[in-house]
N, C-alpha and C. Protein backbone atom coordinates (compact mmCIF):
# COMPACT_ATOMS: atom_id res chain seq x y z
N MET A 1 78.17 107.94 113.10
CA MET A 1 78.27 107.07 111.95
C MET A 1 77.06 106.14 111.94
N PHE A 2 76.15 106.34 111.03
CA PHE A 2 75.01 105.47 110.81
C PHE A 2 74.21 105.20 112.09
N GLY A 3 74.22 106.11 113.03
CA GLY A 3 73.47 105.94 114.27
C GLY A 3 74.19 105.13 115.34
N PHE A 4 75.44 104.80 115.12
CA PHE A 4 76.22 104.04 116.11
C PHE A 4 77.06 105.02 116.91
N ASP A 5 76.43 105.75 117.81
CA ASP A 5 77.13 106.79 118.55
C ASP A 5 78.03 106.24 119.65
N ARG A 6 77.92 104.97 119.97
CA ARG A 6 78.76 104.37 121.01
C ARG A 6 79.95 103.61 120.42
N ILE A 7 79.97 103.46 119.11
CA ILE A 7 81.06 102.76 118.44
C ILE A 7 82.07 103.80 117.98
N THR A 8 83.31 103.66 118.45
CA THR A 8 84.33 104.65 118.12
C THR A 8 85.55 103.98 117.49
N PHE A 9 86.28 104.78 116.74
CA PHE A 9 87.51 104.33 116.09
C PHE A 9 88.60 105.35 116.38
N ASP A 10 89.70 104.88 116.90
CA ASP A 10 90.82 105.76 117.22
C ASP A 10 92.10 104.93 117.06
N LEU A 11 92.97 105.36 116.17
CA LEU A 11 94.20 104.60 115.91
C LEU A 11 95.04 104.41 117.17
N ARG A 12 94.88 105.30 118.16
CA ARG A 12 95.66 105.19 119.39
C ARG A 12 95.05 104.21 120.39
N ILE A 13 93.83 103.75 120.10
CA ILE A 13 93.15 102.82 121.01
C ILE A 13 92.88 101.52 120.25
N MET A 14 93.51 100.46 120.70
CA MET A 14 93.34 99.13 120.10
C MET A 14 93.61 99.13 118.60
N GLY A 15 94.55 99.96 118.18
CA GLY A 15 94.96 99.98 116.77
C GLY A 15 93.87 100.42 115.81
N GLY A 16 92.87 101.12 116.30
CA GLY A 16 91.81 101.61 115.43
C GLY A 16 90.62 100.67 115.29
N GLN A 17 90.64 99.58 116.04
CA GLN A 17 89.49 98.66 116.01
C GLN A 17 88.23 99.38 116.49
N ALA A 18 87.09 98.88 116.07
CA ALA A 18 85.82 99.40 116.58
C ALA A 18 85.75 99.09 118.07
N CYS A 19 85.61 100.14 118.88
CA CYS A 19 85.55 100.00 120.34
C CYS A 19 84.31 100.68 120.87
N ILE A 20 84.05 100.44 122.13
CA ILE A 20 82.91 101.06 122.80
C ILE A 20 83.33 102.35 123.47
N ARG A 21 82.74 103.44 123.07
CA ARG A 21 82.90 104.77 123.67
C ARG A 21 84.35 105.13 124.00
N GLY A 22 85.26 104.80 123.10
CA GLY A 22 86.66 105.18 123.30
C GLY A 22 87.40 104.38 124.34
N MET A 23 86.75 103.36 124.86
CA MET A 23 87.42 102.51 125.85
C MET A 23 88.18 101.40 125.13
N ARG A 24 89.01 100.71 125.85
CA ARG A 24 89.76 99.60 125.28
C ARG A 24 88.94 98.31 125.33
N ILE A 25 87.70 98.43 124.94
CA ILE A 25 86.80 97.28 124.88
C ILE A 25 86.30 97.19 123.43
N PRO A 26 86.90 96.28 122.66
CA PRO A 26 86.51 96.16 121.25
C PRO A 26 85.11 95.56 121.08
N VAL A 27 84.45 96.01 120.05
CA VAL A 27 83.14 95.47 119.69
C VAL A 27 83.25 93.96 119.49
N SER A 28 84.34 93.52 118.86
CA SER A 28 84.51 92.09 118.58
C SER A 28 84.51 91.26 119.85
N LEU A 29 85.04 91.78 120.93
CA LEU A 29 85.06 91.07 122.21
C LEU A 29 83.63 90.85 122.71
N ILE A 30 82.84 91.91 122.67
CA ILE A 30 81.46 91.82 123.14
C ILE A 30 80.67 90.82 122.30
N VAL A 31 80.80 90.94 120.99
CA VAL A 31 80.07 90.04 120.09
C VAL A 31 80.50 88.60 120.34
N ASN A 32 81.78 88.38 120.52
CA ASN A 32 82.29 87.03 120.78
C ASN A 32 81.73 86.46 122.08
N LEU A 33 81.69 87.27 123.11
CA LEU A 33 81.16 86.80 124.39
C LEU A 33 79.70 86.37 124.26
N VAL A 34 78.90 87.20 123.60
CA VAL A 34 77.48 86.89 123.43
C VAL A 34 77.31 85.67 122.52
N ALA A 35 78.13 85.59 121.47
CA ALA A 35 78.05 84.44 120.55
C ALA A 35 78.37 83.13 121.26
N HIS A 36 79.17 83.20 122.31
CA HIS A 36 79.54 81.99 123.04
C HIS A 36 78.70 81.79 124.30
N GLY A 37 77.54 82.43 124.34
CA GLY A 37 76.56 82.12 125.37
C GLY A 37 76.48 83.03 126.57
N LYS A 38 77.31 84.07 126.63
CA LYS A 38 77.22 85.00 127.76
C LYS A 38 75.93 85.81 127.65
N GLN A 39 75.26 85.94 128.76
CA GLN A 39 74.09 86.81 128.82
C GLN A 39 74.58 88.26 128.98
N VAL A 40 73.75 89.20 128.59
CA VAL A 40 74.13 90.61 128.69
C VAL A 40 74.50 90.95 130.13
N ALA A 41 73.75 90.46 131.08
CA ALA A 41 74.04 90.75 132.50
C ALA A 41 75.43 90.24 132.88
N GLU A 42 75.83 89.09 132.34
CA GLU A 42 77.16 88.54 132.64
C GLU A 42 78.26 89.40 132.03
N VAL A 43 78.02 89.88 130.81
CA VAL A 43 78.99 90.76 130.15
C VAL A 43 79.16 92.04 130.96
N LEU A 44 78.04 92.60 131.40
CA LEU A 44 78.08 93.83 132.20
C LEU A 44 78.77 93.61 133.54
N GLU A 45 78.63 92.42 134.09
CA GLU A 45 79.29 92.10 135.37
C GLU A 45 80.81 92.01 135.17
N GLU A 46 81.23 91.39 134.06
CA GLU A 46 82.66 91.25 133.76
C GLU A 46 83.30 92.58 133.38
N TYR A 47 82.52 93.45 132.76
CA TYR A 47 83.03 94.75 132.28
C TYR A 47 82.12 95.84 132.84
N PRO A 48 82.34 96.23 134.10
CA PRO A 48 81.43 97.17 134.77
C PRO A 48 81.35 98.56 134.13
N ASP A 49 82.31 98.91 133.28
CA ASP A 49 82.24 100.22 132.61
C ASP A 49 81.24 100.22 131.45
N LEU A 50 80.80 99.03 131.04
CA LEU A 50 79.82 98.93 129.96
C LEU A 50 78.41 99.16 130.46
N GLU A 51 77.56 99.56 129.54
CA GLU A 51 76.14 99.73 129.81
C GLU A 51 75.37 98.82 128.85
N THR A 52 74.14 98.52 129.19
CA THR A 52 73.31 97.66 128.35
C THR A 52 73.27 98.16 126.91
N GLU A 53 73.14 99.44 126.74
CA GLU A 53 73.09 100.03 125.39
C GLU A 53 74.38 99.79 124.62
N ASP A 54 75.51 99.72 125.30
CA ASP A 54 76.79 99.42 124.63
C ASP A 54 76.75 98.03 124.00
N VAL A 55 76.26 97.06 124.75
CA VAL A 55 76.19 95.69 124.24
C VAL A 55 75.20 95.62 123.08
N ARG A 56 74.05 96.25 123.24
CA ARG A 56 73.04 96.25 122.18
C ARG A 56 73.61 96.85 120.90
N GLN A 57 74.29 97.97 121.04
CA GLN A 57 74.81 98.64 119.86
C GLN A 57 75.97 97.85 119.23
N ALA A 58 76.76 97.16 120.04
CA ALA A 58 77.82 96.32 119.49
C ALA A 58 77.23 95.22 118.62
N LEU A 59 76.16 94.59 119.10
CA LEU A 59 75.50 93.54 118.33
C LEU A 59 74.85 94.11 117.07
N GLU A 60 74.24 95.26 117.21
CA GLU A 60 73.62 95.92 116.07
C GLU A 60 74.66 96.29 115.00
N TYR A 61 75.81 96.77 115.44
CA TYR A 61 76.90 97.12 114.53
C TYR A 61 77.40 95.88 113.80
N ALA A 62 77.56 94.78 114.52
CA ALA A 62 78.00 93.52 113.90
C ALA A 62 76.99 93.06 112.85
N ALA A 63 75.71 93.18 113.16
CA ALA A 63 74.68 92.80 112.20
C ALA A 63 74.73 93.71 110.97
N TRP A 64 74.97 94.99 111.21
CA TRP A 64 75.06 95.95 110.10
C TRP A 64 76.23 95.59 109.18
N LEU A 65 77.34 95.17 109.75
CA LEU A 65 78.51 94.81 108.94
C LEU A 65 78.24 93.60 108.04
N THR A 66 77.31 92.75 108.43
CA THR A 66 77.05 91.54 107.65
C THR A 66 75.83 91.68 106.74
N ARG A 67 75.38 92.86 106.51
CA ARG A 67 74.16 93.08 105.73
C ARG A 67 74.33 92.86 104.23
N ASP A 68 75.55 92.76 103.73
CA ASP A 68 75.78 92.57 102.30
C ASP A 68 75.09 91.32 101.80
N GLN A 69 74.58 91.41 100.59
CA GLN A 69 73.93 90.26 99.98
C GLN A 69 74.95 89.45 99.20
N VAL A 70 74.79 88.16 99.26
CA VAL A 70 75.65 87.27 98.51
C VAL A 70 74.78 86.62 97.44
N TYR A 71 75.25 86.69 96.22
CA TYR A 71 74.50 86.11 95.12
C TYR A 71 75.19 84.82 94.68
N ALA A 72 74.52 83.72 94.92
CA ALA A 72 75.08 82.43 94.52
C ALA A 72 74.80 82.19 93.04
N ARG A 73 75.74 81.58 92.39
CA ARG A 73 75.54 81.23 90.98
C ARG A 73 74.65 80.00 90.90
N ARG A 74 73.88 79.97 89.86
CA ARG A 74 73.08 78.77 89.61
C ARG A 74 74.01 77.67 89.15
N PRO A 75 73.75 76.45 89.59
CA PRO A 75 74.62 75.36 89.14
C PRO A 75 74.46 75.14 87.63
N GLU A 76 75.55 74.79 87.03
CA GLU A 76 75.52 74.51 85.58
C GLU A 76 74.67 73.26 85.35
N SER A 77 73.99 73.24 84.23
CA SER A 77 73.20 72.05 83.87
C SER A 77 74.13 70.86 83.66
N VAL A 78 73.78 69.76 84.23
CA VAL A 78 74.56 68.55 84.06
C VAL A 78 73.90 67.73 82.96
N PRO A 79 74.65 67.36 81.91
CA PRO A 79 74.03 66.59 80.81
C PRO A 79 73.62 65.20 81.22
């Protein structure tokens, strides 16, 4: 799917959430850890089944999900 070969979806695993390589490690968990200051090495230490490429692809997938453009309306003229 769009080059994300490590991101998998299976209704029997974590209710179909985006996970890493069919494991019970959701992409959202990885993104949350990094967003809260964990270094990749720390994530890999906490989750030894993960590889550096798993973390990279999780972040890339999260960025891909937010790629939509938002068009703000111009403010109405105030008399």
